[in-house]
Amino acid sequence: MSRYPVELYVRFFDPHVCAFVDGNAADGVAAGAPRPAVFLDRDGVMNRNDDSMTAAEFDLLPAVGPAVRRLNEAGLPVVVVTNQGGVALEYTTIEELDAIHAKMARLLAVASAHVEAIYGALAYPDAKIAELRMVSEFRKPAAGMLYQASDDLAIDLSQSVMVGDTTTDVAAGRHAGCTSILVRTGFGGSDRRSNVPPDITLDDITAAVEWILARRAVG
């Protein structure tokens, strides 16, 4: 039985087999002093936006593999935090999410890159699935996914960065105490669902990674 609430989807990356494993395998992952990390929204930052996308249709944006690899090489854990209310609305399924994320892992591996974990907020207030019909603390703009990742992976949120394409991504990052970067890919902030301003707005994930690494070098 999962130690996570029903509305939270969690997968951890096993670099030895280049695959995701479910949250039940996560006990003991966090060790040592809290460390900075980079949180990435998925849709609009790593791939195009599409609530009903299948694994066959999934592809990373061209710059993503090299950008994530640079973060890996810098020793920064990369964690994906994504609203996936499409599960609650029956646009997609947990099985399809698994297939998409397995493909993500393969595509990143081609670029010698990987993410440490992926968290998905499954609930939606108007869900068709009764057990997911709720206002969830994990769904962005709430910061529950970032707090959970901090607990699981020993992440220092005050030293971490959230990169997203929506105002809700920005708000989640800021609520968690992270620096928030809005990128112009995907929605580019046009959703206007939150009035929390980003710390900085940049063109895409490449520009975000360059800014993160430059700031880290100075700091």
Protein backbone atom coordinates (compact mmCIF):
# COMPACT_ATOMS: atom_id res chain seq x y z
CA MET A 1 0.00 0.00 0.00
CA SER A 2 1.38 3.42 -0.97
CA ARG A 3 2.47 5.77 1.80
CA TYR A 4 1.22 8.70 -0.31
CA PRO A 5 -2.34 10.12 -0.49
CA VAL A 6 -4.51 8.92 -3.34
CA GLU A 7 -4.29 12.32 -5.04
CA LEU A 8 -0.48 12.22 -5.30
CA TYR A 9 1.37 10.27 -7.97
CA VAL A 10 5.05 9.63 -7.17
CA ARG A 11 7.83 7.92 -9.10
CA PHE A 12 11.51 7.81 -8.23
CA PHE A 13 14.22 7.35 -10.81
CA ASP A 14 16.64 4.45 -10.45
CA PRO A 15 19.80 5.44 -12.38
CA HIS A 16 21.07 1.86 -12.29
CA VAL A 17 18.25 0.63 -14.49
CA CYS A 18 17.25 3.97 -16.09
CA ALA A 19 13.65 3.58 -15.04
CA PHE A 20 11.07 4.94 -12.60
CA VAL A 21 9.92 2.95 -9.59
CA ASP A 22 6.84 3.72 -7.54
CA GLY A 23 6.77 5.61 -4.26
CA ASN A 24 6.80 2.47 -2.12
CA ALA A 25 10.49 2.11 -2.95
CA ALA A 26 11.30 5.57 -1.64
CA ASP A 27 11.90 4.84 2.04
CA GLY A 28 15.39 5.89 2.98
CA VAL A 29 16.04 7.90 -0.19
CA ALA A 30 16.69 11.10 1.75
CA ALA A 31 20.08 11.14 3.44
CA GLY A 32 22.52 13.74 4.61
CA ALA A 33 22.12 17.49 4.85
CA PRO A 34 19.34 19.20 2.85
CA ARG A 35 20.51 20.19 -0.64
CA PRO A 36 19.31 22.61 -3.30
CA ALA A 37 17.31 21.22 -6.20
CA VAL A 38 15.65 22.36 -9.42
CA PHE A 39 11.92 21.71 -9.75
CA LEU A 40 10.56 21.54 -13.30
CA ASP A 41 6.97 21.72 -14.41
CA ARG A 42 6.38 19.13 -17.13
CA ASP A 43 3.88 20.33 -19.75
CA GLY A 44 4.99 23.54 -21.42
CA VAL A 45 8.51 23.33 -20.00
CA MET A 46 9.69 19.83 -20.92
CA ASN A 47 7.12 19.01 -23.60
CA ARG A 48 4.14 20.60 -25.31
CA ASN A 49 0.87 21.12 -23.45
CA ASP A 50 -1.77 18.43 -24.04
CA ASP A 51 -4.12 17.07 -21.35
CA SER A 52 -4.88 13.90 -23.33
CA MET A 53 -1.40 13.13 -24.63
CA THR A 54 -0.41 9.47 -25.02
CA ALA A 55 3.03 7.97 -24.61
CA ALA A 56 3.20 7.51 -28.39
CA GLU A 57 2.68 11.26 -28.83
CA PHE A 58 5.03 12.33 -26.05
CA ASP A 59 8.31 13.96 -26.95
CA LEU A 60 10.69 16.26 -25.13
CA LEU A 61 11.29 19.75 -26.43
CA PRO A 62 14.70 19.76 -28.18
CA ALA A 63 16.56 21.73 -25.50
CA VAL A 64 15.38 19.66 -22.53
CA GLY A 65 17.84 16.75 -22.58
CA PRO A 66 20.97 18.94 -22.73
CA ALA A 67 19.54 21.35 -20.13
CA VAL A 68 18.76 18.59 -17.63
CA ARG A 69 22.17 17.02 -18.25
CA ARG A 70 23.85 20.31 -17.30
CA LEU A 71 21.95 20.33 -14.02
CA ASN A 72 22.91 16.69 -13.40
CA GLU A 73 26.56 17.50 -14.08
CA ALA A 74 26.37 20.40 -11.62
CA GLY A 75 25.15 18.01 -8.93
CA LEU A 76 21.68 19.55 -8.71
CA PRO A 77 18.80 17.10 -8.25
CA VAL A 78 16.08 17.65 -10.85
CA VAL A 79 12.51 16.94 -9.72
CA VAL A 80 9.41 17.16 -11.92
CA VAL A 81 6.25 18.53 -10.26
CA THR A 82 3.21 18.44 -12.54
CA ASN A 83 -0.55 18.96 -12.21
CA GLN A 84 -2.21 15.95 -13.81
CA GLY A 85 -5.88 16.63 -13.20
CA GLY A 86 -6.53 14.89 -16.52
CA VAL A 87 -6.56 11.65 -14.54
CA ALA A 88 -9.43 12.93 -12.36
CA LEU A 89 -11.25 14.13 -15.49
CA GLU A 90 -10.61 10.78 -17.23
CA TYR A 91 -8.63 12.34 -20.07
CA THR A 92 -5.81 9.94 -19.21
CA THR A 93 -4.93 7.17 -16.75
CA ILE A 94 -2.24 6.29 -14.25
CA GLU A 95 -1.10 3.59 -16.65
CA GLU A 96 -0.67 6.16 -19.43
CA LEU A 97 1.24 8.45 -17.06
CA ASP A 98 3.59 5.57 -16.29
CA ALA A 99 4.09 4.92 -20.00
CA ILE A 100 4.76 8.63 -20.65
CA HIS A 101 7.27 8.85 -17.83
CA ALA A 102 9.03 5.66 -18.88
CA LYS A 103 9.43 7.22 -22.31
CA MET A 104 10.63 10.46 -20.70
CA ALA A 105 13.30 8.49 -18.86
CA ARG A 106 14.44 6.83 -22.11
CA LEU A 107 14.58 10.13 -24.00
CA LEU A 108 16.53 11.81 -21.21
CA ALA A 109 18.93 8.86 -21.04
CA VAL A 110 19.73 9.36 -24.73
CA ALA A 111 21.04 12.80 -23.69
CA SER A 112 22.87 11.26 -20.68
CA ALA A 113 20.38 13.01 -18.39
CA HIS A 114 17.85 12.01 -15.76
CA VAL A 115 15.38 13.42 -13.26
CA GLU A 116 15.50 12.22 -9.68
CA ALA A 117 11.75 11.97 -9.19
CA ILE A 118 8.39 12.97 -10.58
CA TYR A 119 5.37 14.08 -8.56
CA GLY A 120 1.91 14.43 -10.09
CA ALA A 121 -1.12 16.09 -8.49
CA LEU A 122 -4.07 13.98 -9.66
CA ALA A 123 -7.04 15.65 -7.94
CA TYR A 124 -9.38 18.18 -9.51
CA PRO A 125 -12.35 19.97 -7.88
CA ASP A 126 -14.76 18.94 -10.66
CA ALA A 127 -13.37 15.43 -11.12
CA LYS A 128 -15.35 12.64 -12.71
CA ILE A 129 -13.59 10.17 -10.40
CA ALA A 130 -15.18 10.58 -6.97
CA GLU A 131 -12.07 9.87 -4.87
CA LEU A 132 -10.16 12.58 -6.76
CA ARG A 133 -12.92 15.23 -6.50
CA MET A 134 -11.29 17.62 -4.03
CA VAL A 135 -9.23 20.74 -3.54
CA SER A 136 -5.82 19.19 -2.96
CA GLU A 137 -2.85 20.62 -1.10
CA PHE A 138 -0.69 19.04 -3.80
CA ARG A 139 -2.22 20.72 -6.84
CA LYS A 140 -0.33 23.87 -7.86
CA PRO A 141 -0.57 26.77 -6.95
CA ALA A 142 -0.46 24.94 -3.60
CA ALA A 143 3.06 23.84 -2.72
CA GLY A 144 2.34 20.33 -1.40
CA MET A 145 4.34 18.51 -4.08
CA LEU A 146 7.42 20.60 -3.33
CA TYR A 147 7.03 20.04 0.42
CA GLN A 148 6.65 16.29 -0.14
CA ALA A 149 9.76 16.20 -2.35
CA SER A 150 11.66 18.13 0.28
CA ASP A 151 10.77 15.49 2.88
CA ASP A 152 11.48 12.55 0.57
CA LEU A 153 14.72 13.77 -0.97
CA ALA A 154 16.29 16.02 1.69
CA ILE A 155 15.82 19.20 -0.37
CA ASP A 156 16.46 22.69 1.00
CA LEU A 157 13.55 24.60 -0.50
CA SER A 158 15.01 27.99 0.40
CA GLN A 159 17.99 27.26 -1.87
CA SER A 160 15.96 25.64 -4.65
CA VAL A 161 14.43 26.90 -7.90
CA MET A 162 11.04 26.25 -9.50
CA VAL A 163 10.84 26.54 -13.31
CA GLY A 164 7.40 26.71 -14.90
CA ASP A 165 5.33 28.18 -17.71
CA THR A 166 2.23 29.13 -15.69
CA THR A 167 1.46 31.57 -12.92
CA THR A 168 0.42 28.61 -10.76
CA ASP A 169 3.92 27.16 -11.10
CA VAL A 170 5.35 30.48 -9.99
CA ALA A 171 2.98 30.65 -7.02
CA ALA A 172 3.77 27.10 -5.90
CA GLY A 173 7.47 27.83 -5.97
CA ARG A 174 7.12 31.10 -4.10
CA HIS A 175 4.79 29.54 -1.49
CA ALA A 176 7.44 26.86 -0.84
CA GLY A 177 10.16 29.48 -0.41
CA CYS A 178 11.90 28.71 -3.71
CA THR A 179 13.14 31.12 -6.33
CA SER A 180 10.59 30.99 -9.19
CA ILE A 181 11.42 31.28 -12.89
CA LEU A 182 8.67 31.78 -15.46
CA VAL A 183 9.58 30.60 -18.96
CA ARG A 184 7.98 31.87 -22.16
CA THR A 185 7.43 28.40 -23.64
CA GLY A 186 4.05 26.70 -23.15
CA PHE A 187 1.57 29.15 -21.63
CA GLY A 188 4.31 31.67 -20.88
CA GLY A 189 2.27 32.98 -17.95
CA SER A 190 -0.84 33.64 -20.05
CA ASP A 191 -3.01 31.47 -17.78
CA ARG A 192 -3.29 34.42 -15.34
CA ARG A 193 -4.58 32.18 -12.53
CA SER A 194 -2.30 33.70 -9.92
CA ASN A 195 -1.00 37.21 -9.32
CA VAL A 196 2.19 36.05 -7.58
CA PRO A 197 5.07 37.48 -9.66
CA PRO A 198 8.07 35.39 -10.71
CA ASP A 199 11.55 36.27 -9.55
CA ILE A 200 12.60 36.37 -13.20
CA THR A 201 11.09 35.60 -16.63
CA LEU A 202 13.30 33.87 -19.22
CA ASP A 203 12.84 32.45 -22.71
CA ASP A 204 13.03 28.71 -22.08
CA ILE A 205 14.58 25.89 -20.06
CA THR A 206 18.01 26.54 -21.57
CA ALA A 207 17.98 30.15 -20.41
CA ALA A 208 16.67 29.06 -17.01
CA VAL A 209 19.49 26.55 -16.54
CA GLU A 210 22.09 29.10 -17.61
CA TRP A 211 20.69 31.57 -15.07
CA ILE A 212 20.60 28.93 -12.29
CA LEU A 213 24.19 27.81 -12.91
CA ALA A 214 25.51 31.37 -13.19
CA ARG A 215 23.81 32.32 -9.93
CA ARG A 216 25.17 29.16 -8.28
CA ALA A 217 28.72 30.01 -9.44
CA VAL A 218 28.47 33.51 -7.99
CA GLY A 219 26.84 32.32 -4.77
